[in-house]
Amino acid sequence: MATYDNAPFEIHVHGDVPLRADVTYSQLQEALKPLWKYAGAKSLADGAESAYEEEPGLRFDAHEHLLTMCWTVAGDQDFRQSLDEMCMSLNELAEEGAAIEVSFYDAEFDEDEEPPEAEARDDFLMLFVGPTPAAIMQVQRDLLVDDVVGLMERHFDSQELGGVVAEIDRLFSQRFDALVSSLEIGKPPRGSGGGGSHGGGRRPRHLH
């Protein structure tokens, strides 16, 4: 596995993606190709190991139909393109929505040597994959509810927060209705069979 001695970032990819029961190792290898190829590997088996031995890397549990990612690679901002390509491919294989956390750690930043006002160029992304826009939005909604309720429980009992959760649900319903409308408008005029086809099967890359 290639390492980039002068790479400005250590990039950590973390998440669990439930896969359809019919997904094969070769399909997953193709979907994850943007990652292992970026690492300089020739196959998923070659590139599945993380830069850190204690991390499990890229794992396919065929029995549980689960992709587990806890994988670090040296790289630059161009890795974002690889993430976009991976998300598009994983949308096709996912059984349900899932969140993937990506952390960019500034490899050139040394706290001991930098002036006090200096800040690391660390960055953090949350990506979402899923078989449909609705599945992706469900994961986004659940994460937001967890975050908001966790924050507000410092000041209120959880029983008092039903209205807040209802408002979050209303906002996501609005967003989903708008998305469905835009997909309906974008469909070709000729009959493409069935109204419940998730907007003609179009899928977003991923929603931030």
N, C-alpha and C. Protein backbone atom coordinates (compact mmCIF):
# COMPACT_ATOMS: atom_id res chain seq x y z
N MET A 1 0.85 -1.19 0.00
CA MET A 1 0.00 0.00 0.00
C MET A 1 0.88 1.24 0.00
N ALA A 2 0.60 2.14 -0.94
CA ALA A 2 1.44 3.33 -1.07
C ALA A 2 1.15 4.31 0.05
N THR A 3 2.18 4.97 0.49
CA THR A 3 2.00 6.06 1.45
C THR A 3 2.63 7.30 0.85
N TYR A 4 2.07 8.44 1.17
CA TYR A 4 2.57 9.69 0.62
C TYR A 4 3.28 10.44 1.75
N ASP A 5 4.61 10.42 1.69
CA ASP A 5 5.42 10.98 2.77
C ASP A 5 5.11 12.46 2.99
N ASN A 6 4.79 13.17 1.91
CA ASN A 6 4.56 14.61 2.02
C ASN A 6 3.08 14.98 2.02
N ALA A 7 2.21 13.99 2.20
CA ALA A 7 0.77 14.25 2.17
C ALA A 7 0.39 15.21 3.30
N PRO A 8 -0.42 16.24 2.99
CA PRO A 8 -0.75 17.23 4.02
C PRO A 8 -1.79 16.75 5.04
N PHE A 9 -2.50 15.67 4.71
CA PHE A 9 -3.54 15.22 5.64
C PHE A 9 -3.46 13.72 5.91
N GLU A 10 -3.86 13.36 7.13
CA GLU A 10 -4.24 11.98 7.42
C GLU A 10 -5.76 11.97 7.37
N ILE A 11 -6.33 11.11 6.54
CA ILE A 11 -7.78 11.11 6.31
C ILE A 11 -8.37 9.82 6.87
N HIS A 12 -9.33 9.97 7.77
CA HIS A 12 -9.96 8.80 8.41
C HIS A 12 -11.41 8.68 7.96
N VAL A 13 -11.76 7.50 7.46
CA VAL A 13 -13.12 7.20 6.99
C VAL A 13 -13.75 6.22 7.97
N HIS A 14 -14.94 6.55 8.48
CA HIS A 14 -15.54 5.73 9.54
C HIS A 14 -17.05 5.59 9.33
N GLY A 15 -17.55 4.37 9.35
CA GLY A 15 -18.99 4.16 9.25
C GLY A 15 -19.34 2.71 8.96
N ASP A 16 -20.60 2.37 9.22
CA ASP A 16 -21.13 1.03 8.92
C ASP A 16 -22.26 1.18 7.91
N VAL A 17 -22.19 0.44 6.80
CA VAL A 17 -23.21 0.53 5.76
C VAL A 17 -23.88 -0.83 5.59
N PRO A 18 -25.18 -0.95 5.95
CA PRO A 18 -25.90 -2.20 5.71
C PRO A 18 -26.08 -2.41 4.21
N LEU A 19 -25.71 -3.60 3.73
CA LEU A 19 -25.76 -3.89 2.30
C LEU A 19 -26.90 -4.86 1.98
N ARG A 20 -27.38 -4.81 0.75
CA ARG A 20 -28.39 -5.78 0.31
C ARG A 20 -27.82 -7.19 0.41
N ALA A 21 -28.70 -8.16 0.64
CA ALA A 21 -28.27 -9.55 0.84
C ALA A 21 -27.60 -10.13 -0.41
N ASP A 22 -27.89 -9.58 -1.59
CA ASP A 22 -27.34 -10.14 -2.83
C ASP A 22 -26.02 -9.49 -3.24
N VAL A 23 -25.50 -8.57 -2.44
CA VAL A 23 -24.25 -7.88 -2.79
C VAL A 23 -23.07 -8.84 -2.66
N THR A 24 -22.25 -8.89 -3.68
CA THR A 24 -21.08 -9.78 -3.68
C THR A 24 -19.81 -8.99 -3.35
N TYR A 25 -18.76 -9.73 -3.03
CA TYR A 25 -17.47 -9.10 -2.73
C TYR A 25 -16.97 -8.32 -3.94
N SER A 26 -17.15 -8.86 -5.14
CA SER A 26 -16.65 -8.18 -6.34
C SER A 26 -17.39 -6.86 -6.58
N GLN A 27 -18.71 -6.84 -6.28
CA GLN A 27 -19.46 -5.59 -6.40
C GLN A 27 -18.95 -4.55 -5.40
N LEU A 28 -18.69 -5.00 -4.19
CA LEU A 28 -18.20 -4.08 -3.16
C LEU A 28 -16.79 -3.60 -3.50
N GLN A 29 -15.97 -4.48 -4.03
CA GLN A 29 -14.62 -4.09 -4.44
C GLN A 29 -14.69 -2.98 -5.48
N GLU A 30 -15.62 -3.10 -6.42
CA GLU A 30 -15.77 -2.08 -7.45
C GLU A 30 -16.28 -0.77 -6.85
N ALA A 31 -17.23 -0.86 -5.90
CA ALA A 31 -17.79 0.35 -5.28
C ALA A 31 -16.73 1.10 -4.47
N LEU A 32 -15.84 0.33 -3.83
CA LEU A 32 -14.80 0.95 -2.99
C LEU A 32 -13.51 1.25 -3.76
N LYS A 33 -13.54 1.01 -5.05
CA LYS A 33 -12.33 1.21 -5.87
C LYS A 33 -11.75 2.62 -5.72
N PRO A 34 -12.60 3.69 -5.63
CA PRO A 34 -12.01 5.03 -5.46
C PRO A 34 -11.13 5.14 -4.21
N LEU A 35 -11.44 4.35 -3.16
CA LEU A 35 -10.65 4.42 -1.92
C LEU A 35 -9.35 3.65 -2.06
N TRP A 36 -9.46 2.35 -2.41
CA TRP A 36 -8.23 1.55 -2.44
C TRP A 36 -7.29 1.97 -3.58
N LYS A 37 -7.86 2.47 -4.66
CA LYS A 37 -7.01 2.95 -5.74
C LYS A 37 -6.26 4.21 -5.30
N TYR A 38 -6.95 5.09 -4.55
CA TYR A 38 -6.31 6.30 -4.03
C TYR A 38 -5.13 5.94 -3.13
N ALA A 39 -5.28 4.83 -2.40
CA ALA A 39 -4.21 4.39 -1.49
C ALA A 39 -3.06 3.72 -2.24
N GLY A 40 -3.19 3.60 -3.57
CA GLY A 40 -2.13 3.01 -4.36
C GLY A 40 -2.18 1.49 -4.42
N ALA A 41 -3.32 0.91 -4.02
CA ALA A 41 -3.46 -0.55 -4.02
C ALA A 41 -3.98 -1.04 -5.37
N LYS A 42 -3.87 -2.36 -5.58
CA LYS A 42 -4.31 -2.96 -6.84
C LYS A 42 -5.63 -3.71 -6.69
N SER A 43 -6.12 -3.83 -5.45
CA SER A 43 -7.38 -4.52 -5.20
C SER A 43 -7.88 -4.12 -3.82
N LEU A 44 -9.13 -4.49 -3.51
CA LEU A 44 -9.68 -4.21 -2.19
C LEU A 44 -8.89 -4.97 -1.12
N ALA A 45 -8.55 -6.21 -1.41
CA ALA A 45 -7.79 -7.00 -0.43
C ALA A 45 -6.44 -6.34 -0.13
N ASP A 46 -5.84 -5.76 -1.17
CA ASP A 46 -4.54 -5.11 -1.02
C ASP A 46 -4.66 -3.77 -0.29
N GLY A 47 -5.78 -3.09 -0.49
CA GLY A 47 -5.93 -1.75 0.07
C GLY A 47 -6.83 -1.64 1.28
N ALA A 48 -7.35 -2.77 1.77
CA ALA A 48 -8.32 -2.74 2.86
C ALA A 48 -7.70 -2.40 4.21
N GLU A 49 -6.39 -2.63 4.34
CA GLU A 49 -5.75 -2.34 5.62
C GLU A 49 -5.57 -0.84 5.80
N SER A 50 -5.80 -0.39 7.04
CA SER A 50 -5.62 1.02 7.37
C SER A 50 -4.14 1.34 7.54
N ALA A 51 -3.83 2.62 7.50
CA ALA A 51 -2.46 3.05 7.78
C ALA A 51 -2.07 2.74 9.22
N TYR A 52 -3.07 2.53 10.08
CA TYR A 52 -2.83 2.18 11.48
C TYR A 52 -3.26 0.75 11.74
N GLU A 53 -2.36 -0.05 12.27
CA GLU A 53 -2.63 -1.47 12.47
C GLU A 53 -3.81 -1.74 13.39
N GLU A 54 -4.03 -0.84 14.37
CA GLU A 54 -5.09 -1.08 15.34
C GLU A 54 -6.49 -0.84 14.76
N GLU A 55 -6.57 -0.24 13.57
CA GLU A 55 -7.87 -0.01 12.94
C GLU A 55 -8.22 -1.18 12.02
N PRO A 56 -9.49 -1.60 12.03
CA PRO A 56 -9.88 -2.78 11.22
C PRO A 56 -9.83 -2.56 9.73
N GLY A 57 -9.82 -1.31 9.27
CA GLY A 57 -9.74 -1.05 7.84
C GLY A 57 -11.10 -1.14 7.16
N LEU A 58 -11.11 -1.66 5.92
CA LEU A 58 -12.34 -1.83 5.15
C LEU A 58 -12.75 -3.29 5.23
N ARG A 59 -13.85 -3.58 5.91
CA ARG A 59 -14.26 -4.97 6.17
C ARG A 59 -15.63 -5.27 5.59
N PHE A 60 -15.75 -6.42 4.92
CA PHE A 60 -17.03 -6.89 4.40
C PHE A 60 -17.45 -8.12 5.19
N ASP A 61 -18.54 -7.99 5.96
CA ASP A 61 -19.09 -9.12 6.70
C ASP A 61 -20.21 -9.72 5.85
N ALA A 62 -19.89 -10.80 5.13
CA ALA A 62 -20.86 -11.41 4.21
C ALA A 62 -22.05 -12.00 4.95
N HIS A 63 -21.83 -12.48 6.17
CA HIS A 63 -22.91 -13.08 6.95
C HIS A 63 -23.90 -12.03 7.42
N GLU A 64 -23.38 -10.89 7.88
CA GLU A 64 -24.24 -9.81 8.38
C GLU A 64 -24.64 -8.82 7.28
N HIS A 65 -24.07 -9.00 6.06
CA HIS A 65 -24.32 -8.08 4.94
C HIS A 65 -23.99 -6.64 5.36
N LEU A 66 -22.78 -6.47 5.86
CA LEU A 66 -22.38 -5.18 6.43
C LEU A 66 -20.98 -4.79 5.96
N LEU A 67 -20.86 -3.53 5.54
CA LEU A 67 -19.55 -2.95 5.26
C LEU A 67 -19.16 -2.10 6.46
N THR A 68 -18.01 -2.43 7.06
CA THR A 68 -17.50 -1.66 8.19
C THR A 68 -16.24 -0.92 7.74
N MET A 69 -16.24 0.39 7.96
CA MET A 69 -15.09 1.20 7.56
C MET A 69 -14.50 1.91 8.77
N CYS A 70 -13.24 1.62 9.04
CA CYS A 70 -12.46 2.34 10.05
C CYS A 70 -11.05 2.35 9.47
N TRP A 71 -10.78 3.31 8.58
CA TRP A 71 -9.67 3.23 7.64
C TRP A 71 -9.02 4.60 7.47
N THR A 72 -7.72 4.64 7.57
CA THR A 72 -6.97 5.89 7.45
C THR A 72 -6.02 5.82 6.26
N VAL A 73 -5.95 6.92 5.51
CA VAL A 73 -5.05 7.01 4.37
C VAL A 73 -4.40 8.39 4.37
N ALA A 74 -3.18 8.48 3.86
CA ALA A 74 -2.53 9.77 3.69
C ALA A 74 -2.98 10.38 2.38
N GLY A 75 -3.30 11.68 2.38
CA GLY A 75 -3.77 12.26 1.13
C GLY A 75 -3.95 13.76 1.20
N ASP A 76 -4.69 14.29 0.21
CA ASP A 76 -4.89 15.73 0.07
C ASP A 76 -6.38 15.99 -0.16
N GLN A 77 -6.72 17.24 -0.45
CA GLN A 77 -8.13 17.60 -0.66
C GLN A 77 -8.74 16.87 -1.85
N ASP A 78 -7.91 16.39 -2.78
CA ASP A 78 -8.46 15.68 -3.94
C ASP A 78 -9.13 14.37 -3.55
N PHE A 79 -8.96 13.94 -2.31
CA PHE A 79 -9.62 12.72 -1.83
C PHE A 79 -11.14 12.89 -1.84
N ARG A 80 -11.60 14.13 -1.78
CA ARG A 80 -13.06 14.38 -1.77
C ARG A 80 -13.73 13.84 -3.03
N GLN A 81 -13.03 13.92 -4.16
CA GLN A 81 -13.57 13.37 -5.41
C GLN A 81 -13.76 11.86 -5.29
N SER A 82 -12.80 11.20 -4.66
CA SER A 82 -12.91 9.75 -4.45
C SER A 82 -14.12 9.43 -3.57
N LEU A 83 -14.37 10.28 -2.57
CA LEU A 83 -15.52 10.07 -1.70
C LEU A 83 -16.83 10.21 -2.46
N ASP A 84 -16.91 11.21 -3.35
CA ASP A 84 -18.11 11.39 -4.15
C ASP A 84 -18.40 10.15 -4.99
N GLU A 85 -17.36 9.64 -5.63
CA GLU A 85 -17.52 8.46 -6.49
C GLU A 85 -17.94 7.24 -5.65
N MET A 86 -17.34 7.09 -4.49
CA MET A 86 -17.68 5.96 -3.61
C MET A 86 -19.14 6.03 -3.18
N CYS A 87 -19.60 7.23 -2.79
CA CYS A 87 -20.98 7.38 -2.31
C CYS A 87 -21.97 7.04 -3.41
N MET A 88 -21.71 7.47 -4.63
CA MET A 88 -22.60 7.14 -5.74
C MET A 88 -22.71 5.64 -5.92
N SER A 89 -21.60 4.94 -5.81
CA SER A 89 -21.60 3.48 -5.98
C SER A 89 -22.26 2.77 -4.81
N LEU A 90 -22.00 3.23 -3.58
CA LEU A 90 -22.59 2.59 -2.41
C LEU A 90 -24.10 2.78 -2.35
N ASN A 91 -24.61 3.89 -2.92
CA ASN A 91 -26.06 4.06 -2.99
C ASN A 91 -26.72 2.87 -3.67
N GLU A 92 -26.04 2.32 -4.67
CA GLU A 92 -26.60 1.20 -5.45
C GLU A 92 -26.60 -0.10 -4.66
N LEU A 93 -25.74 -0.21 -3.64
CA LEU A 93 -25.58 -1.47 -2.91
C LEU A 93 -26.22 -1.44 -1.53
N ALA A 94 -26.54 -0.25 -1.03
CA ALA A 94 -27.02 -0.12 0.35
C ALA A 94 -28.42 -0.67 0.51
N GLU A 95 -28.65 -1.33 1.63
CA GLU A 95 -29.98 -1.84 1.99
C GLU A 95 -30.81 -0.74 2.65
N GLU A 96 -30.14 0.10 3.43
CA GLU A 96 -30.81 1.22 4.09
C GLU A 96 -29.82 2.37 4.21
N GLY A 97 -30.31 3.51 4.68
CA GLY A 97 -29.46 4.68 4.79
C GLY A 97 -28.37 4.52 5.85
N ALA A 98 -27.25 5.18 5.63
CA ALA A 98 -26.14 5.11 6.58
C ALA A 98 -25.33 6.39 6.50
N ALA A 99 -24.69 6.73 7.61
CA ALA A 99 -23.82 7.91 7.68
C ALA A 99 -22.36 7.46 7.67
N ILE A 100 -21.53 8.23 6.99
CA ILE A 100 -20.09 7.96 6.93
C ILE A 100 -19.37 9.23 7.37
N GLU A 101 -18.56 9.12 8.42
CA GLU A 101 -17.80 10.27 8.93
C GLU A 101 -16.41 10.26 8.29
N VAL A 102 -16.00 11.42 7.82
CA VAL A 102 -14.66 11.56 7.24
C VAL A 102 -13.94 12.71 7.93
N SER A 103 -12.77 12.42 8.49
CA SER A 103 -11.98 13.42 9.20
C SER A 103 -10.67 13.66 8.47
N PHE A 104 -10.36 14.94 8.24
CA PHE A 104 -9.08 15.34 7.65
C PHE A 104 -8.23 15.92 8.78
N TYR A 105 -7.13 15.26 9.11
CA TYR A 105 -6.23 15.75 10.16
C TYR A 105 -4.99 16.36 9.51
N ASP A 106 -4.67 17.57 9.91
CA ASP A 106 -3.53 18.31 9.37
C ASP A 106 -2.23 17.63 9.81
N ALA A 107 -1.61 16.90 8.89
CA ALA A 107 -0.40 16.14 9.24
C ALA A 107 0.82 17.02 9.42
N GLU A 108 0.73 18.27 8.91
CA GLU A 108 1.88 19.17 8.99
C GLU A 108 1.83 20.06 10.22
N PHE A 109 0.77 19.97 11.00
CA PHE A 109 0.59 20.86 12.16
C PHE A 109 1.18 20.21 13.41
N ASP A 110 2.10 20.89 14.03
CA ASP A 110 2.72 20.40 15.27
C ASP A 110 2.43 21.41 16.37
N GLU A 111 1.55 21.02 17.30
CA GLU A 111 1.12 21.94 18.36
C GLU A 111 2.30 22.53 19.13
N ASP A 112 3.33 21.72 19.34
CA ASP A 112 4.46 22.16 20.16
C ASP A 112 5.31 23.22 19.46
N GLU A 113 5.29 23.19 18.12
CA GLU A 113 6.18 24.08 17.37
C GLU A 113 5.46 25.30 16.79
N GLU A 114 4.12 25.25 16.72
CA GLU A 114 3.38 26.35 16.10
C GLU A 114 3.17 27.49 17.10
N PRO A 115 3.04 28.72 16.60
CA PRO A 115 2.69 29.84 17.51
C PRO A 115 1.29 29.62 18.08
N PRO A 116 1.01 30.22 19.25
CA PRO A 116 -0.27 29.96 19.95
C PRO A 116 -1.51 30.26 19.12
N GLU A 117 -1.42 31.26 18.24
CA GLU A 117 -2.62 31.64 17.48
C GLU A 117 -2.84 30.76 16.25
N ALA A 118 -1.87 29.91 15.93
CA ALA A 118 -1.98 29.06 14.74
C ALA A 118 -3.06 28.00 14.94
N GLU A 119 -3.76 27.70 13.85
CA GLU A 119 -4.81 26.69 13.90
C GLU A 119 -4.53 25.61 12.86
N ALA A 120 -4.80 24.37 13.24
CA ALA A 120 -4.65 23.26 12.30
C ALA A 120 -5.72 23.35 11.22
N ARG A 121 -5.43 22.78 10.05
CA ARG A 121 -6.39 22.80 8.94
C ARG A 121 -7.29 21.57 8.98
N ASP A 122 -7.57 21.09 10.18
CA ASP A 122 -8.43 19.92 10.31
C ASP A 122 -9.81 20.21 9.70
N ASP A 123 -10.44 19.18 9.16
CA ASP A 123 -11.78 19.33 8.59
C ASP A 123 -12.56 18.05 8.86
N PHE A 124 -13.87 18.17 8.81
CA PHE A 124 -14.73 17.03 9.12
C PHE A 124 -15.93 17.04 8.18
N LEU A 125 -16.22 15.89 7.58
CA LEU A 125 -17.37 15.75 6.69
C LEU A 125 -18.28 14.65 7.20
N MET A 126 -19.58 14.83 7.01
CA MET A 126 -20.52 13.76 7.27
C MET A 126 -21.21 13.46 5.93
N LEU A 127 -21.01 12.27 5.42
CA LEU A 127 -21.60 11.86 4.15
C LEU A 127 -22.72 10.86 4.42
N PHE A 128 -23.67 10.79 3.49
CA PHE A 128 -24.80 9.88 3.66
C PHE A 128 -25.00 9.07 2.39
N VAL A 129 -25.25 7.78 2.57
CA VAL A 129 -25.57 6.91 1.44
C VAL A 129 -26.87 6.17 1.75
N GLY A 130 -27.51 5.68 0.70
CA GLY A 130 -28.75 4.93 0.89
C GLY A 130 -29.39 4.59 -0.44
N PRO A 131 -30.30 3.64 -0.43
CA PRO A 131 -30.93 3.19 -1.69
C PRO A 131 -31.88 4.20 -2.30
N THR A 132 -32.42 5.12 -1.48
CA THR A 132 -33.36 6.14 -1.97
C THR A 132 -33.11 7.45 -1.22
N PRO A 133 -33.58 8.57 -1.77
CA PRO A 133 -33.49 9.84 -1.03
C PRO A 133 -34.18 9.76 0.32
N ALA A 134 -35.30 9.04 0.39
CA ALA A 134 -36.02 8.92 1.66
C ALA A 134 -35.17 8.22 2.71
N ALA A 135 -34.44 7.17 2.31
CA ALA A 135 -33.60 6.43 3.25
C ALA A 135 -32.46 7.30 3.75
N ILE A 136 -31.90 8.12 2.86
CA ILE A 136 -30.82 9.03 3.25
C ILE A 136 -31.34 10.08 4.22
N MET A 137 -32.51 10.66 3.90
CA MET A 137 -33.07 11.69 4.78
C MET A 137 -33.44 11.13 6.15
N GLN A 138 -33.84 9.85 6.21
CA GLN A 138 -34.18 9.25 7.50
C GLN A 138 -32.95 9.23 8.41
N VAL A 139 -31.80 8.90 7.86
CA VAL A 139 -30.57 8.88 8.65
C VAL A 139 -30.20 10.30 9.10
N GLN A 140 -30.32 11.26 8.18
CA GLN A 140 -30.03 12.65 8.53
C GLN A 140 -30.95 13.12 9.66
N ARG A 141 -32.22 12.78 9.54
CA ARG A 141 -33.20 13.17 10.56
C ARG A 141 -32.86 12.57 11.91
N ASP A 142 -32.55 11.26 11.92
CA ASP A 142 -32.26 10.58 13.19
C ASP A 142 -31.03 11.17 13.88
N LEU A 143 -30.00 11.49 13.08
CA LEU A 143 -28.79 12.09 13.65
C LEU A 143 -29.07 13.47 14.22
N LEU A 144 -29.86 14.25 13.49
CA LEU A 144 -30.19 15.59 13.96
C LEU A 144 -31.01 15.54 15.24
N VAL A 145 -31.98 14.64 15.30
CA VAL A 145 -32.80 14.50 16.51
C VAL A 145 -31.91 14.12 17.69
N ASP A 146 -31.00 13.17 17.49
CA ASP A 146 -30.09 12.77 18.57
C ASP A 146 -29.27 13.97 19.06
N ASP A 147 -28.72 14.75 18.11
CA ASP A 147 -27.89 15.90 18.47
C ASP A 147 -28.69 16.96 19.22
N VAL A 148 -29.85 17.31 18.69
CA VAL A 148 -30.65 18.38 19.28
C VAL A 148 -31.18 17.97 20.66
N VAL A 149 -31.72 16.74 20.74
CA VAL A 149 -32.24 16.27 22.03
C VAL A 149 -31.11 16.17 23.06
N GLY A 150 -29.95 15.67 22.62
CA GLY A 150 -28.81 15.57 23.54
C GLY A 150 -28.40 16.92 24.08
N LEU A 151 -28.43 17.94 23.21
CA LEU A 151 -28.07 19.30 23.63
C LEU A 151 -29.12 19.89 24.58
N MET A 152 -30.40 19.70 24.24
CA MET A 152 -31.47 20.34 25.00
C MET A 152 -31.80 19.63 26.30
N GLU A 153 -31.40 18.35 26.40
CA GLU A 153 -31.67 17.62 27.65
C GLU A 153 -30.84 18.16 28.82
N ARG A 154 -29.86 18.99 28.52
CA ARG A 154 -29.12 19.65 29.60
C ARG A 154 -30.02 20.65 30.32
N HIS A 155 -31.06 21.12 29.63
CA HIS A 155 -31.92 22.17 30.18
C HIS A 155 -33.37 21.75 30.38
N PHE A 156 -33.81 20.71 29.64
CA PHE A 156 -35.20 20.29 29.69
C PHE A 156 -35.29 18.77 29.86
N ASP A 157 -36.41 18.30 30.42
CA ASP A 157 -36.67 16.86 30.45
C ASP A 157 -37.01 16.40 29.03
N SER A 158 -36.65 15.16 28.73
CA SER A 158 -36.89 14.65 27.37
C SER A 158 -38.37 14.69 27.00
N GLN A 159 -39.26 14.54 28.02
CA GLN A 159 -40.71 14.56 27.74
C GLN A 159 -41.16 15.92 27.22
N GLU A 160 -40.39 16.96 27.51
CA GLU A 160 -40.77 18.32 27.08
C GLU A 160 -40.36 18.62 25.64
N LEU A 161 -39.65 17.71 25.02
CA LEU A 161 -39.04 18.02 23.73
C LEU A 161 -39.80 17.47 22.54
N GLY A 162 -41.02 16.94 22.80
CA GLY A 162 -41.81 16.37 21.70
C GLY A 162 -42.07 17.38 20.59
N GLY A 163 -42.34 18.63 20.95
CA GLY A 163 -42.60 19.66 19.95
C GLY A 163 -41.39 19.95 19.09
N VAL A 164 -40.21 19.89 19.69
CA VAL A 164 -38.97 20.14 18.94
C VAL A 164 -38.77 19.03 17.91
N VAL A 165 -38.95 17.78 18.33
CA VAL A 165 -38.80 16.64 17.41
C VAL A 165 -39.83 16.73 16.30
N ALA A 166 -41.07 17.11 16.63
CA ALA A 166 -42.12 17.24 15.62
C ALA A 166 -41.76 18.30 14.59
N GLU A 167 -41.13 19.40 15.05
CA GLU A 167 -40.72 20.46 14.12
C GLU A 167 -39.60 19.99 13.19
N ILE A 168 -38.67 19.22 13.72
CA ILE A 168 -37.61 18.64 12.88
C ILE A 168 -38.22 17.73 11.82
N ASP A 169 -39.19 16.90 12.24
CA ASP A 169 -39.87 16.01 11.28
C ASP A 169 -40.59 16.82 10.20
N ARG A 170 -41.22 17.94 10.61
CA ARG A 170 -41.93 18.77 9.65
C ARG A 170 -40.97 19.35 8.61
N LEU A 171 -39.80 19.80 9.07
CA LEU A 171 -38.80 20.36 8.16
C LEU A 171 -38.32 19.31 7.16
N PHE A 172 -38.08 18.10 7.64
CA PHE A 172 -37.62 17.05 6.73
C PHE A 172 -38.73 16.63 5.77
N SER A 173 -39.98 16.64 6.24
CA SER A 173 -41.10 16.32 5.34
C SER A 173 -41.19 17.35 4.22
N GLN A 174 -41.01 18.62 4.57
CA GLN A 174 -41.01 19.68 3.55
C GLN A 174 -39.91 19.45 2.53
N ARG A 175 -38.71 19.15 3.04
CA ARG A 175 -37.57 18.94 2.14
C ARG A 175 -37.81 17.74 1.23
N PHE A 176 -38.36 16.66 1.79
CA PHE A 176 -38.61 15.47 0.99
C PHE A 176 -39.68 15.74 -0.07
N ASP A 177 -40.75 16.45 0.32
CA ASP A 177 -41.81 16.78 -0.65
C ASP A 177 -41.25 17.62 -1.79
N ALA A 178 -40.37 18.57 -1.46
CA ALA A 178 -39.75 19.41 -2.48
C ALA A 178 -38.87 18.58 -3.41
N LEU A 179 -38.15 17.62 -2.83
CA LEU A 179 -37.28 16.76 -3.63
C LEU A 179 -38.11 15.90 -4.58
N VAL A 180 -39.18 15.31 -4.06
CA VAL A 180 -40.06 14.48 -4.89
C VAL A 180 -40.63 15.30 -6.04
N SER A 181 -41.07 16.53 -5.73
CA SER A 181 -41.62 17.41 -6.77
C SER A 181 -40.58 17.70 -7.84
N SER A 182 -39.35 17.98 -7.43
CA SER A 182 -38.31 18.31 -8.41
C SER A 182 -37.98 17.09 -9.26
N LEU A 183 -38.02 15.90 -8.67
CA LEU A 183 -37.74 14.68 -9.43
C LEU A 183 -38.87 14.39 -10.40
N GLU A 184 -40.11 14.67 -9.98
CA GLU A 184 -41.25 14.46 -10.87
C GLU A 184 -41.13 15.38 -12.09
N ILE A 185 -40.74 16.64 -11.86
CA ILE A 185 -40.59 17.60 -12.94
C ILE A 185 -39.49 17.15 -13.89
N GLY A 186 -38.44 16.53 -13.32
CA GLY A 186 -37.30 16.13 -14.14
C GLY A 186 -37.50 14.83 -14.89
N LYS A 187 -38.63 14.15 -14.64
CA LYS A 187 -38.87 12.88 -15.34
C LYS A 187 -39.23 13.11 -16.79
N PRO A 188 -38.85 12.19 -17.65
CA PRO A 188 -39.25 12.35 -19.07
C PRO A 188 -40.76 12.26 -19.19
N PRO A 189 -41.34 12.96 -20.17
CA PRO A 189 -42.80 13.01 -20.27
C PRO A 189 -43.43 11.67 -20.61
N ARG A 190 -42.71 10.82 -21.35
CA ARG A 190 -43.30 9.54 -21.71
C ARG A 190 -43.44 8.68 -20.46
N GLY A 191 -44.41 7.78 -20.48
CA GLY A 191 -44.67 6.94 -19.30
C GLY A 191 -43.49 6.08 -18.95
N SER A 192 -43.03 6.19 -17.72
CA SER A 192 -41.89 5.36 -17.30
C SER A 192 -42.33 4.37 -16.24
N GLY A 193 -43.64 4.12 -16.19
CA GLY A 193 -44.15 3.03 -15.36
C GLY A 193 -44.21 3.33 -13.89
N GLY A 194 -45.41 3.31 -13.33
CA GLY A 194 -45.56 3.37 -11.87
C GLY A 194 -45.17 4.70 -11.27
N GLY A 195 -46.03 5.24 -10.42
CA GLY A 195 -45.72 6.51 -9.79
C GLY A 195 -44.79 6.37 -8.61
N GLY A 196 -44.70 5.18 -8.03
CA GLY A 196 -43.90 5.02 -6.81
C GLY A 196 -42.51 4.53 -7.08
N SER A 197 -41.88 5.09 -8.11
CA SER A 197 -40.56 4.59 -8.49
C SER A 197 -39.45 5.51 -8.03
N HIS A 198 -39.70 6.24 -6.93
CA HIS A 198 -38.69 7.13 -6.36
C HIS A 198 -38.13 8.07 -7.41
N GLY A 199 -39.07 8.77 -8.09
CA GLY A 199 -38.62 9.77 -9.05
C GLY A 199 -37.86 9.18 -10.21
N GLY A 200 -38.34 8.06 -10.72
CA GLY A 200 -37.70 7.47 -11.89
C GLY A 200 -36.39 6.80 -11.56
N GLY A 201 -36.14 6.55 -10.30
CA GLY A 201 -34.93 5.83 -9.91
C GLY A 201 -33.70 6.71 -9.81
N ARG A 202 -33.87 8.03 -10.00
CA ARG A 202 -32.70 8.92 -9.87
C ARG A 202 -32.28 8.98 -8.42
N ARG A 203 -30.98 8.98 -8.20
CA ARG A 203 -30.47 9.02 -6.83
C ARG A 203 -29.45 10.13 -6.69
N PRO A 204 -29.49 10.82 -5.57
CA PRO A 204 -28.50 11.89 -5.38
C PRO A 204 -27.12 11.29 -5.11
N ARG A 205 -26.09 12.08 -5.36
CA ARG A 205 -24.74 11.63 -4.98
C ARG A 205 -24.73 11.38 -3.48
N HIS A 206 -24.94 12.43 -2.74
CA HIS A 206 -25.12 12.31 -1.29
C HIS A 206 -25.56 13.67 -0.81
N LEU A 207 -26.19 13.70 0.33
CA LEU A 207 -26.71 14.96 0.86
C LEU A 207 -25.91 15.35 2.09
N HIS A 208 -25.35 16.53 2.08
CA HIS A 208 -24.56 16.99 3.24
C HIS A 208 -25.50 17.44 4.33
